[in-house]
Amino acid sequence: MGQPVASRGQTATPTLGKAMLNKYARAFFTRVLTPFAAFLIRRGVSPDTVTLIGTAGVVAGALVFYPVGEFFWGTVVITLFVFSDLVDGNMARQLGRSSRWGAFLDSTLDRVADGAIFGGFILWYAGGGDDLVLCAVSIFCLASGQVVSYTKARGESIGLPVAVNGLVERAERLVISLVAAGLAGLHAFGVPGIQYLLPVALWIVAVGSLVTLIQRVVTVRRESAEAESAEAEAATAASEQDDNEGEQENASHGSEAST
């Protein structure tokens, strides 16, 4: 995934907590992963290759382990490959590459990875987990996550900034789901009651995703109305200016004719 290019329009101002977490977490992982990224570059590995391998690893970890209830080991595998999202960006920065293709590939494969993770939960609860309610909740998490991402992309594609920080965005969805799944997997090692963390987490993600979707739809509606109002005012001002210029021209012609 190369380093994403700047999105069109303004970006939402992050909340203080998210900004601090993002700042220090990224700084830490950048220091840790920079030598590894440099090693891959020296070996001729491209950022796109890392992106593809990382996504394949996440998909395999989710669809091999989760459907059979191996949440601990599945989460370990997924977590290892999730770091590819930071490695490829680090490589792109070291190479001085920032491309639209890299941003597109990054975003597209992120959706594939998300679908595999929640698809793994769906398969578990539809099979060995034997819980149709949680199966439905997992389906909602998968679908709402995709729609939440689409609303921002679609809003930006029509020239709107979509300047809102949702309650539960992609990072939060992944952290909540993966941490809960990993801890729930400790039930297989004899930790009592901890398996209930995953159902609770899925409900939290479902409700949070719904709230985030509503936030984004309301924001796009407001920004759209503001943009259309500004365009109408600009058109009115331009029309009035044309009328004034026409009147001045007519007055000038009339003055010339009288002389």
Protein backbone atom coordinates (compact mmCIF):
# COMPACT_ATOMS: atom_id res chain seq x y z
CA MET A 1 0.00 0.00 0.00
CA GLY A 2 1.94 3.13 -0.63
CA GLN A 3 1.63 6.15 1.48
CA PRO A 4 -1.84 7.57 0.93
CA VAL A 5 -2.16 10.80 -0.98
CA ALA A 6 -3.97 13.68 0.64
CA SER A 7 -7.71 13.43 0.31
CA ARG A 8 -9.62 16.17 -1.45
CA GLY A 9 -11.18 18.79 0.78
CA GLN A 10 -10.70 19.28 4.46
CA THR A 11 -10.17 16.48 6.91
CA ALA A 12 -11.91 16.09 10.22
CA THR A 13 -10.06 17.47 13.20
CA PRO A 14 -9.35 14.50 15.44
CA THR A 15 -10.35 14.50 19.07
CA LEU A 16 -7.54 15.06 21.56
CA GLY A 17 -7.54 11.44 22.73
CA LYS A 18 -7.40 9.99 19.24
CA ALA A 19 -4.77 12.50 18.15
CA MET A 20 -2.51 11.71 21.12
CA LEU A 21 -2.92 7.95 20.68
CA ASN A 22 -2.28 8.16 16.96
CA LYS A 23 0.74 10.44 17.41
CA TYR A 24 2.58 8.39 20.01
CA ALA A 25 1.55 4.96 18.72
CA ARG A 26 2.69 5.78 15.20
CA ALA A 27 5.94 7.32 16.46
CA PHE A 28 6.70 4.17 18.47
CA PHE A 29 5.94 1.72 15.68
CA THR A 30 7.79 3.87 13.15
CA ARG A 31 10.97 3.59 15.24
CA VAL A 32 10.49 -0.14 15.68
CA LEU A 33 9.60 -0.98 12.08
CA THR A 34 11.91 1.37 10.18
CA PRO A 35 14.92 -1.02 10.26
CA PHE A 36 12.73 -3.90 9.05
CA ALA A 37 11.27 -1.74 6.27
CA ALA A 38 14.78 -0.72 5.21
CA PHE A 39 15.82 -4.40 5.17
CA LEU A 40 12.93 -5.26 2.83
CA ILE A 41 13.84 -2.38 0.53
CA ARG A 42 17.42 -3.61 0.30
CA ARG A 43 16.08 -7.03 -0.68
CA GLY A 44 14.09 -5.49 -3.50
CA VAL A 45 10.65 -6.00 -1.93
CA SER A 46 8.07 -3.39 -2.99
CA PRO A 47 5.47 -1.77 -0.71
CA ASP A 48 2.69 -3.28 -2.85
CA THR A 49 4.08 -6.76 -2.24
CA VAL A 50 4.03 -6.19 1.51
CA THR A 51 0.45 -4.97 1.23
CA LEU A 52 -0.67 -8.07 -0.64
CA ILE A 53 1.15 -10.48 1.69
CA GLY A 54 -0.20 -8.71 4.75
CA THR A 55 -3.77 -8.88 3.52
CA ALA A 56 -3.39 -12.54 2.58
CA GLY A 57 -2.09 -13.29 6.07
CA VAL A 58 -5.00 -11.51 7.75
CA VAL A 59 -7.52 -13.30 5.53
CA ALA A 60 -5.90 -16.68 6.22
CA GLY A 61 -5.71 -16.09 9.97
CA ALA A 62 -9.36 -15.03 10.11
CA LEU A 63 -10.87 -17.69 7.86
CA VAL A 64 -8.73 -20.62 9.01
CA PHE A 65 -8.82 -20.13 12.79
CA TYR A 66 -11.97 -18.15 13.63
CA PRO A 67 -14.57 -20.47 12.03
CA VAL A 68 -13.36 -23.34 14.24
CA GLY A 69 -13.29 -21.25 17.42
CA GLU A 70 -9.49 -20.81 17.63
CA PHE A 71 -9.73 -17.15 18.54
CA PHE A 72 -6.43 -16.81 20.40
CA TRP A 73 -4.17 -18.21 17.68
CA GLY A 74 -6.22 -16.59 14.95
CA THR A 75 -5.76 -13.20 16.58
CA VAL A 76 -2.02 -13.80 16.99
CA VAL A 77 -1.68 -14.52 13.26
CA ILE A 78 -3.87 -11.58 12.27
CA THR A 79 -1.99 -9.17 14.55
CA LEU A 80 1.35 -10.17 13.05
CA PHE A 81 0.14 -9.44 9.54
CA VAL A 82 -1.79 -6.29 10.49
CA PHE A 83 1.57 -4.59 11.07
CA SER A 84 2.19 -4.81 7.33
CA ASP A 85 -0.11 -1.79 7.09
CA LEU A 86 2.58 0.22 8.88
CA VAL A 87 5.54 -1.45 7.18
CA ASP A 88 4.42 -0.68 3.62
CA GLY A 89 3.73 2.95 4.49
CA ASN A 90 7.16 3.19 6.11
CA MET A 91 8.74 1.71 2.98
CA ALA A 92 6.90 4.17 0.75
CA ARG A 93 8.19 7.09 2.81
CA GLN A 94 11.76 5.82 2.69
CA LEU A 95 11.49 5.38 -1.08
CA GLY A 96 9.89 8.79 -1.48
CA ARG A 97 6.84 7.32 -3.15
CA SER A 98 3.34 8.68 -2.65
CA SER A 99 0.91 7.43 -5.25
CA ARG A 100 -2.79 7.35 -5.89
CA TRP A 101 -2.42 3.68 -6.78
CA GLY A 102 -0.90 2.94 -3.38
CA ALA A 103 -3.71 4.75 -1.58
CA PHE A 104 -6.31 2.92 -3.68
CA LEU A 105 -4.74 -0.49 -3.09
CA ASP A 106 -4.40 0.22 0.62
CA SER A 107 -8.05 1.18 1.06
CA THR A 108 -9.37 -1.63 -1.12
CA LEU A 109 -7.44 -4.39 0.66
CA ASP A 110 -8.38 -2.93 4.05
CA ARG A 111 -11.99 -3.68 3.15
CA VAL A 112 -11.03 -7.24 2.17
CA ALA A 113 -9.25 -7.78 5.50
CA ASP A 114 -12.18 -6.38 7.50
CA GLY A 115 -14.58 -8.61 5.62
CA ALA A 116 -12.49 -11.70 6.39
CA ILE A 117 -12.29 -10.93 10.12
CA PHE A 118 -16.02 -10.46 10.59
CA GLY A 119 -16.69 -13.24 8.09
CA GLY A 120 -14.74 -15.54 10.41
CA PHE A 121 -17.00 -14.56 13.30
CA ILE A 122 -20.07 -15.14 11.14
CA LEU A 123 -18.92 -18.63 10.18
CA TRP A 124 -18.22 -19.51 13.81
CA TYR A 125 -21.59 -18.40 15.14
CA ALA A 126 -23.41 -19.97 12.18
CA GLY A 127 -21.57 -23.25 12.83
CA GLY A 128 -19.83 -24.45 15.96
CA GLY A 129 -20.73 -21.34 17.96
CA ASP A 130 -24.42 -22.08 17.29
CA ASP A 131 -25.76 -18.59 18.02
CA LEU A 132 -27.88 -17.06 15.28
CA VAL A 133 -28.30 -13.76 17.15
CA LEU A 134 -24.54 -13.22 17.34
CA CYS A 135 -24.26 -14.42 13.75
CA ALA A 136 -26.68 -11.65 12.77
CA VAL A 137 -24.77 -9.11 14.90
CA SER A 138 -21.54 -10.13 13.16
CA ILE A 139 -23.19 -9.71 9.75
CA PHE A 140 -24.34 -6.24 10.78
CA CYS A 141 -20.80 -5.37 11.94
CA LEU A 142 -19.40 -6.47 8.59
CA ALA A 143 -22.01 -4.63 6.50
CA SER A 144 -22.08 -1.43 8.58
CA GLY A 145 -18.29 -1.24 8.57
CA GLN A 146 -18.24 -1.36 4.77
CA VAL A 147 -21.01 1.24 4.51
CA VAL A 148 -19.31 3.56 7.01
CA SER A 149 -16.19 3.51 4.85
CA TYR A 150 -18.26 4.00 1.69
CA THR A 151 -20.08 7.07 3.03
CA LYS A 152 -16.79 8.89 3.59
CA ALA A 153 -15.32 7.84 0.23
CA ARG A 154 -18.52 8.77 -1.64
CA GLY A 155 -18.84 12.10 0.16
CA GLU A 156 -15.26 13.01 -0.66
CA SER A 157 -15.74 11.93 -4.29
CA ILE A 158 -18.45 14.57 -4.74
CA GLY A 159 -16.24 17.27 -3.25
CA LEU A 160 -17.33 17.27 0.40
CA PRO A 161 -14.83 17.10 3.28
CA VAL A 162 -16.99 14.77 5.45
CA ALA A 163 -15.42 16.49 8.44
CA VAL A 164 -16.56 14.27 11.28
CA ASN A 165 -14.90 11.85 13.66
CA GLY A 166 -17.22 8.88 14.05
CA LEU A 167 -17.73 7.16 17.37
CA VAL A 168 -16.36 3.83 16.11
CA GLU A 169 -14.22 4.06 12.98
CA ARG A 170 -12.08 1.34 11.39
CA ALA A 171 -9.25 1.46 13.93
CA GLU A 172 -11.65 1.19 16.84
CA ARG A 173 -13.60 -1.63 15.18
CA LEU A 174 -10.45 -3.66 14.68
CA VAL A 175 -8.93 -3.01 18.11
CA ILE A 176 -12.13 -3.80 19.99
CA SER A 177 -12.87 -6.93 17.94
CA LEU A 178 -9.34 -8.36 17.85
CA VAL A 179 -8.54 -7.70 21.51
CA ALA A 180 -11.84 -9.25 22.58
CA ALA A 181 -11.36 -12.25 20.27
CA GLY A 182 -7.82 -12.84 21.48
CA LEU A 183 -8.83 -12.69 25.13
CA ALA A 184 -11.91 -14.84 24.51
CA GLY A 185 -9.58 -17.44 23.05
CA LEU A 186 -7.94 -17.82 26.45
CA HIS A 187 -11.03 -19.77 27.47
CA ALA A 188 -9.44 -22.75 25.70
CA PHE A 189 -6.54 -22.48 28.17
CA GLY A 190 -8.85 -22.69 31.16
CA VAL A 191 -9.64 -19.04 31.88
CA PRO A 192 -13.28 -19.09 33.04
CA GLY A 193 -15.96 -16.71 31.74
CA ILE A 194 -13.65 -14.79 29.43
CA GLN A 195 -15.36 -16.16 26.30
CA TYR A 196 -18.17 -13.66 26.85
CA LEU A 197 -15.89 -10.76 25.95
CA LEU A 198 -16.32 -11.37 22.23
CA PRO A 199 -20.13 -11.20 22.17
CA VAL A 200 -19.99 -8.01 24.24
CA ALA A 201 -17.41 -6.53 21.87
CA LEU A 202 -19.49 -7.39 18.80
CA TRP A 203 -22.52 -5.63 20.26
CA ILE A 204 -20.37 -2.58 21.07
CA VAL A 205 -18.99 -2.51 17.52
CA ALA A 206 -22.48 -2.92 16.03
CA VAL A 207 -23.99 -0.07 18.03
CA GLY A 208 -20.95 2.13 17.55
CA SER A 209 -20.92 1.52 13.80
CA LEU A 210 -24.60 2.45 13.57
CA VAL A 211 -23.97 5.70 15.45
CA THR A 212 -20.96 6.45 13.23
CA LEU A 213 -22.99 5.80 10.09
CA ILE A 214 -25.70 8.22 11.27
CA GLN A 215 -23.03 10.82 12.13
CA ARG A 216 -21.55 10.63 8.65
CA VAL A 217 -24.89 10.72 6.84
CA VAL A 218 -25.98 13.78 8.85
CA THR A 219 -22.62 15.45 8.18
CA VAL A 220 -22.80 14.81 4.43
CA ARG A 221 -26.36 16.15 4.34
CA ARG A 222 -25.30 19.33 6.16
CA GLU A 223 -22.17 19.85 4.06
CA SER A 224 -24.13 19.23 0.87
CA ALA A 225 -26.74 21.82 1.82
CA GLU A 226 -24.00 24.33 2.68
CA ALA A 227 -22.19 23.70 -0.60
CA GLU A 228 -25.36 24.07 -2.66
CA SER A 229 -26.28 27.25 -0.78
CA ALA A 230 -22.82 28.70 -1.44
CA GLU A 231 -23.08 27.79 -5.15
CA ALA A 232 -26.54 29.41 -5.37
CA GLU A 233 -25.24 32.59 -3.72
CA ALA A 234 -22.27 32.66 -6.09
CA ALA A 235 -24.57 32.19 -9.10
CA THR A 236 -26.88 34.97 -7.87
CA ALA A 237 -23.94 37.32 -7.33
CA ALA A 238 -22.59 36.54 -10.81
CA SER A 239 -26.01 37.16 -12.35
CA GLU A 240 -26.36 40.48 -10.55
CA GLN A 241 -22.90 41.50 -11.71
CA ASP A 242 -23.81 40.64 -15.31
CA ASP A 243 -27.02 42.67 -14.99
CA ASN A 244 -25.11 45.66 -13.59
CA GLU A 245 -22.56 45.46 -16.38
CA GLY A 246 -25.39 45.25 -18.93
CA GLU A 247 -27.11 48.31 -17.47
CA GLN A 248 -23.85 50.26 -17.49
CA GLU A 249 -23.23 49.29 -21.10
CA ASN A 250 -26.76 50.33 -22.10
CA ALA A 251 -26.35 53.63 -20.27
CA SER A 252 -23.07 54.22 -22.09
CA HIS A 253 -24.64 53.52 -25.47
CA GLY A 254 -27.53 55.83 -24.66
CA SER A 255 -25.14 58.59 -23.73
CA GLU A 256 -23.23 58.15 -27.00
CA ALA A 257 -26.45 58.23 -29.01
CA SER A 258 -27.62 61.48 -27.40
CA THR A 259 -24.41 63.21 -28.33
